[in-house]
C-alpha cells in the first residue's frame, strides 16, 4: 500500500510558489502631444474647481467667524472714526468672480505648460534616447 501512495504522490506535480516574476525594461521615447494637452487640461480643470470652491468656503468662514466685522472696526480706528464697510468691497460675487478669473488663467497656463513639457521631452528624448522604465509582471 505504501508503494501505491509513493507512485501516486510522484505523479502529482508539486505546487509552485507563484508565478515567476518577469521584469521588462522599456524606454519612453515619445509623449503624444494631444495626450499631454488633454491630460494637462483635465489637471488644470480640477485645480480650477478646487480654487473656486476653496475661495468660497474661505469667504464663508470669514463671514461666520466675524473677521470682516473686526476688520471694519480696525479700519474705522485707523481712518479716524470714518465709516468703513469691508463687505461693500468684498462680497460673495466679487470673491467668486476674482477666483473664477484666477482659475481660468491658471487653467490656460497649466494646459500650455503641459504641452510645452511634452515638446521639450520629445526633443530631449531624441538626443538622449528616452527614459528607461522597468516593469514587472505580477
C-alpha atoms as a PDB file:
ATOM      1  CA  UNK A   1       0.000   0.000   0.000  1.00  0.00           C
ATOM      2  CA  UNK A   2       2.825   2.376   0.664  1.00  0.00           C
ATOM      3  CA  UNK A   3       4.177   1.698  -2.855  1.00  0.00           C
ATOM      4  CA  UNK A   4       0.848   2.789  -4.313  1.00  0.00           C
ATOM      5  CA  UNK A   5       0.945   6.031  -2.325  1.00  0.00           C
ATOM      6  CA  UNK A   6       4.503   6.698  -3.448  1.00  0.00           C
ATOM      7  CA  UNK A   7       3.556   6.197  -7.097  1.00  0.00           C
ATOM      8  CA  UNK A   8       0.526   8.470  -6.769  1.00  0.00           C
ATOM      9  CA  UNK A   9       2.476  11.175  -4.978  1.00  0.00           C
ATOM     10  CA  UNK A  10       5.173  11.125  -7.629  1.00  0.00           C
ATOM     11  CA  UNK A  11       2.577  11.819 -10.340  1.00  0.00           C
ATOM     12  CA  UNK A  12       1.160  14.879  -8.545  1.00  0.00           C
ATOM     13  CA  UNK A  13       3.040  17.998  -9.508  1.00  0.00           C
ATOM     14  CA  UNK A  14       4.415  19.998  -6.629  1.00  0.00           C
ATOM     15  CA  UNK A  15       2.716  23.339  -6.123  1.00  0.00           C
ATOM     16  CA  UNK A  16       4.761  26.251  -7.327  1.00  0.00           C
ATOM     17  CA  UNK A  17       5.436  29.208  -5.106  1.00  0.00           C
ATOM     18  CA  UNK A  18       3.607  31.511  -7.512  1.00  0.00           C
ATOM     19  CA  UNK A  19       4.058  32.835 -10.979  1.00  0.00           C
ATOM     20  CA  UNK A  20       7.553  33.768 -11.862  1.00  0.00           C
ATOM     21  CA  UNK A  21       8.118  37.499 -11.943  1.00  0.00           C
ATOM     22  CA  UNK A  22       9.244  38.688 -15.319  1.00  0.00           C
ATOM     23  CA  UNK A  23      10.975  42.012 -15.496  1.00  0.00           C
ATOM     24  CA  UNK A  24      10.702  44.097 -18.618  1.00  0.00           C
ATOM     25  CA  UNK A  25      12.722  47.221 -19.318  1.00  0.00           C
ATOM     26  CA  UNK A  26      11.188  49.684 -21.759  1.00  0.00           C
ATOM     27  CA  UNK A  27      12.175  53.121 -22.956  1.00  0.00           C
ATOM     28  CA  UNK A  28       9.796  56.039 -23.120  1.00  0.00           C
ATOM     29  CA  UNK A  29      10.938  57.851 -26.227  1.00  0.00           C
ATOM     30  CA  UNK A  30       7.834  59.848 -27.192  1.00  0.00           C
ATOM     31  CA  UNK A  31       4.922  61.593 -25.469  1.00  0.00           C
ATOM     32  CA  UNK A  32       1.927  62.253 -27.681  1.00  0.00           C
ATOM     33  CA  UNK A  33       1.258  65.986 -27.859  1.00  0.00           C
ATOM     34  CA  UNK A  34      -2.549  65.716 -27.808  1.00  0.00           C
ATOM     35  CA  UNK A  35      -2.493  63.256 -24.901  1.00  0.00           C
ATOM     36  CA  UNK A  36      -0.325  65.618 -22.880  1.00  0.00           C
ATOM     37  CA  UNK A  37      -2.587  68.520 -23.831  1.00  0.00           C
ATOM     38  CA  UNK A  38      -5.746  66.672 -22.747  1.00  0.00           C
ATOM     39  CA  UNK A  39      -4.217  65.447 -19.500  1.00  0.00           C
ATOM     40  CA  UNK A  40      -2.859  68.863 -18.556  1.00  0.00           C
ATOM     41  CA  UNK A  41      -6.244  70.426 -19.378  1.00  0.00           C
ATOM     42  CA  UNK A  42      -8.004  67.983 -17.042  1.00  0.00           C
ATOM     43  CA  UNK A  43      -5.472  68.652 -14.283  1.00  0.00           C
ATOM     44  CA  UNK A  44      -5.939  72.391 -14.770  1.00  0.00           C
ATOM     45  CA  UNK A  45      -9.715  71.984 -14.678  1.00  0.00           C
ATOM     46  CA  UNK A  46      -9.501  70.060 -11.412  1.00  0.00           C
ATOM     47  CA  UNK A  47      -7.274  72.776  -9.977  1.00  0.00           C
ATOM     48  CA  UNK A  48      -9.718  75.468 -11.137  1.00  0.00           C
ATOM     49  CA  UNK A  49     -12.618  73.744  -9.395  1.00  0.00           C
ATOM     50  CA  UNK A  50     -10.572  73.429  -6.205  1.00  0.00           C
ATOM     51  CA  UNK A  51      -9.632  77.134  -6.286  1.00  0.00           C
ATOM     52  CA  UNK A  52     -13.238  78.286  -6.749  1.00  0.00           C
ATOM     53  CA  UNK A  53     -14.659  76.017  -4.048  1.00  0.00           C
ATOM     54  CA  UNK A  54     -11.842  76.824  -1.608  1.00  0.00           C
ATOM     55  CA  UNK A  55     -12.236  80.571  -2.049  1.00  0.00           C
ATOM     56  CA  UNK A  56     -15.992  80.313  -1.494  1.00  0.00           C
ATOM     57  CA  UNK A  57     -15.503  78.224   1.649  1.00  0.00           C
ATOM     58  CA  UNK A  58     -12.827  80.583   2.942  1.00  0.00           C
ATOM     59  CA  UNK A  59     -15.140  83.558   2.391  1.00  0.00           C
ATOM     60  CA  UNK A  60     -17.897  81.777   4.305  1.00  0.00           C
ATOM     61  CA  UNK A  61     -15.534  81.010   7.181  1.00  0.00           C
ATOM     62  CA  UNK A  62     -14.521  84.686   7.328  1.00  0.00           C
ATOM     63  CA  UNK A  63     -18.152  85.771   7.407  1.00  0.00           C
ATOM     64  CA  UNK A  64     -19.149  83.243  10.067  1.00  0.00           C
ATOM     65  CA  UNK A  65     -16.215  83.975  12.358  1.00  0.00           C
ATOM     66  CA  UNK A  66     -16.724  87.747  12.192  1.00  0.00           C
ATOM     67  CA  UNK A  67     -13.342  88.596  10.693  1.00  0.00           C
ATOM     68  CA  UNK A  68     -14.923  91.173   8.384  1.00  0.00           C
ATOM     69  CA  UNK A  69     -16.585  92.918  11.341  1.00  0.00           C
ATOM     70  CA  UNK A  70     -13.263  93.105  13.166  1.00  0.00           C
ATOM     71  CA  UNK A  71     -11.612  94.428  10.013  1.00  0.00           C
ATOM     72  CA  UNK A  72     -14.293  97.137   9.822  1.00  0.00           C
ATOM     73  CA  UNK A  73     -13.562  98.117  13.428  1.00  0.00           C
ATOM     74  CA  UNK A  74      -9.809  98.282  12.825  1.00  0.00           C
ATOM     75  CA  UNK A  75     -10.252 100.239   9.585  1.00  0.00           C
ATOM     76  CA  UNK A  76     -12.563 102.706  11.361  1.00  0.00           C
ATOM     77  CA  UNK A  77      -9.962 103.273  14.074  1.00  0.00           C
ATOM     78  CA  UNK A  78      -7.165 103.747  11.562  1.00  0.00           C
ATOM     79  CA  UNK A  79      -9.207 106.149   9.435  1.00  0.00           C
ATOM     80  CA  UNK A  80     -10.166 108.222  12.481  1.00  0.00           C
ATOM     81  CA  UNK A  81     -13.754 107.270  13.069  1.00  0.00           C
ATOM     82  CA  UNK A  82     -14.907 107.297   9.460  1.00  0.00           C
ATOM     83  CA  UNK A  83     -17.426 104.687   8.458  1.00  0.00           C
ATOM     84  CA  UNK A  84     -15.871 101.856   6.509  1.00  0.00           C
ATOM     85  CA  UNK A  85     -17.561  98.638   5.464  1.00  0.00           C
ATOM     86  CA  UNK A  86     -15.348  95.948   4.005  1.00  0.00           C
ATOM     87  CA  UNK A  87     -18.398  93.988   2.853  1.00  0.00           C
ATOM     88  CA  UNK A  88     -19.042  96.712   0.278  1.00  0.00           C
ATOM     89  CA  UNK A  89     -15.671  95.909  -1.288  1.00  0.00           C
ATOM     90  CA  UNK A  90     -15.591  92.157  -0.688  1.00  0.00           C
ATOM     91  CA  UNK A  91     -18.862  90.395  -1.470  1.00  0.00           C
ATOM     92  CA  UNK A  92     -19.655  86.825  -2.490  1.00  0.00           C
ATOM     93  CA  UNK A  93     -19.962  87.891  -6.109  1.00  0.00           C
ATOM     94  CA  UNK A  94     -16.629  89.680  -6.182  1.00  0.00           C
ATOM     95  CA  UNK A  95     -14.845  86.797  -4.438  1.00  0.00           C
ATOM     96  CA  UNK A  96     -16.285  84.221  -6.814  1.00  0.00           C
ATOM     97  CA  UNK A  97     -15.629  86.446  -9.824  1.00  0.00           C
ATOM     98  CA  UNK A  98     -12.000  87.005  -8.882  1.00  0.00           C
ATOM     99  CA  UNK A  99     -11.424  83.338  -8.061  1.00  0.00           C
ATOM    100  CA  UNK A 100     -13.011  82.331 -11.377  1.00  0.00           C
ATOM    101  CA  UNK A 101     -10.709  84.740 -13.198  1.00  0.00           C
ATOM    102  CA  UNK A 102      -7.643  83.356 -11.404  1.00  0.00           C
ATOM    103  CA  UNK A 103      -8.804  79.773 -12.005  1.00  0.00           C
ATOM    104  CA  UNK A 104      -9.299  80.458 -15.724  1.00  0.00           C
ATOM    105  CA  UNK A 105      -5.842  81.986 -16.065  1.00  0.00           C
ATOM    106  CA  UNK A 106      -4.323  79.052 -14.187  1.00  0.00           C
ATOM    107  CA  UNK A 107      -6.221  76.622 -16.421  1.00  0.00           C
ATOM    108  CA  UNK A 108      -4.721  78.162 -19.545  1.00  0.00           C
ATOM    109  CA  UNK A 109      -1.224  78.275 -18.032  1.00  0.00           C
ATOM    110  CA  UNK A 110      -1.326  74.654 -16.839  1.00  0.00           C
ATOM    111  CA  UNK A 111      -2.627  73.449 -20.211  1.00  0.00           C
ATOM    112  CA  UNK A 112       0.079  75.302 -22.127  1.00  0.00           C
ATOM    113  CA  UNK A 113       2.816  74.160 -19.748  1.00  0.00           C
ATOM    114  CA  UNK A 114       1.756  70.526 -20.137  1.00  0.00           C
ATOM    115  CA  UNK A 115       2.014  70.800 -23.902  1.00  0.00           C
ATOM    116  CA  UNK A 116       5.356  72.610 -23.720  1.00  0.00           C
ATOM    117  CA  UNK A 117       6.746  69.953 -21.367  1.00  0.00           C
ATOM    118  CA  UNK A 118       5.726  67.237 -23.835  1.00  0.00           C
ATOM    119  CA  UNK A 119       7.505  69.069 -26.660  1.00  0.00           C
ATOM    120  CA  UNK A 120      10.640  69.589 -24.570  1.00  0.00           C
ATOM    121  CA  UNK A 121      10.669  65.924 -23.516  1.00  0.00           C
ATOM    122  CA  UNK A 122      10.248  64.727 -27.098  1.00  0.00           C
ATOM    123  CA  UNK A 123      13.144  66.900 -28.263  1.00  0.00           C
ATOM    124  CA  UNK A 124      15.422  65.809 -25.422  1.00  0.00           C
ATOM    125  CA  UNK A 125      14.464  62.132 -25.894  1.00  0.00           C
ATOM    126  CA  UNK A 126      15.747  62.326 -29.461  1.00  0.00           C
ATOM    127  CA  UNK A 127      19.123  63.432 -28.154  1.00  0.00           C
ATOM    128  CA  UNK A 128      19.426  61.247 -25.052  1.00  0.00           C
ATOM    129  CA  UNK A 129      17.390  58.243 -26.150  1.00  0.00           C
ATOM    130  CA  UNK A 130      14.464  58.443 -23.772  1.00  0.00           C
ATOM    131  CA  UNK A 131      13.685  57.436 -20.236  1.00  0.00           C
ATOM    132  CA  UNK A 132      14.355  53.841 -19.259  1.00  0.00           C
ATOM    133  CA  UNK A 133      11.493  52.345 -17.253  1.00  0.00           C
ATOM    134  CA  UNK A 134      11.304  48.909 -15.642  1.00  0.00           C
ATOM    135  CA  UNK A 135       8.097  46.888 -15.237  1.00  0.00           C
ATOM    136  CA  UNK A 136       7.325  43.577 -13.543  1.00  0.00           C
ATOM    137  CA  UNK A 137       4.551  41.109 -14.189  1.00  0.00           C
ATOM    138  CA  UNK A 138       2.811  40.073 -11.002  1.00  0.00           C
END
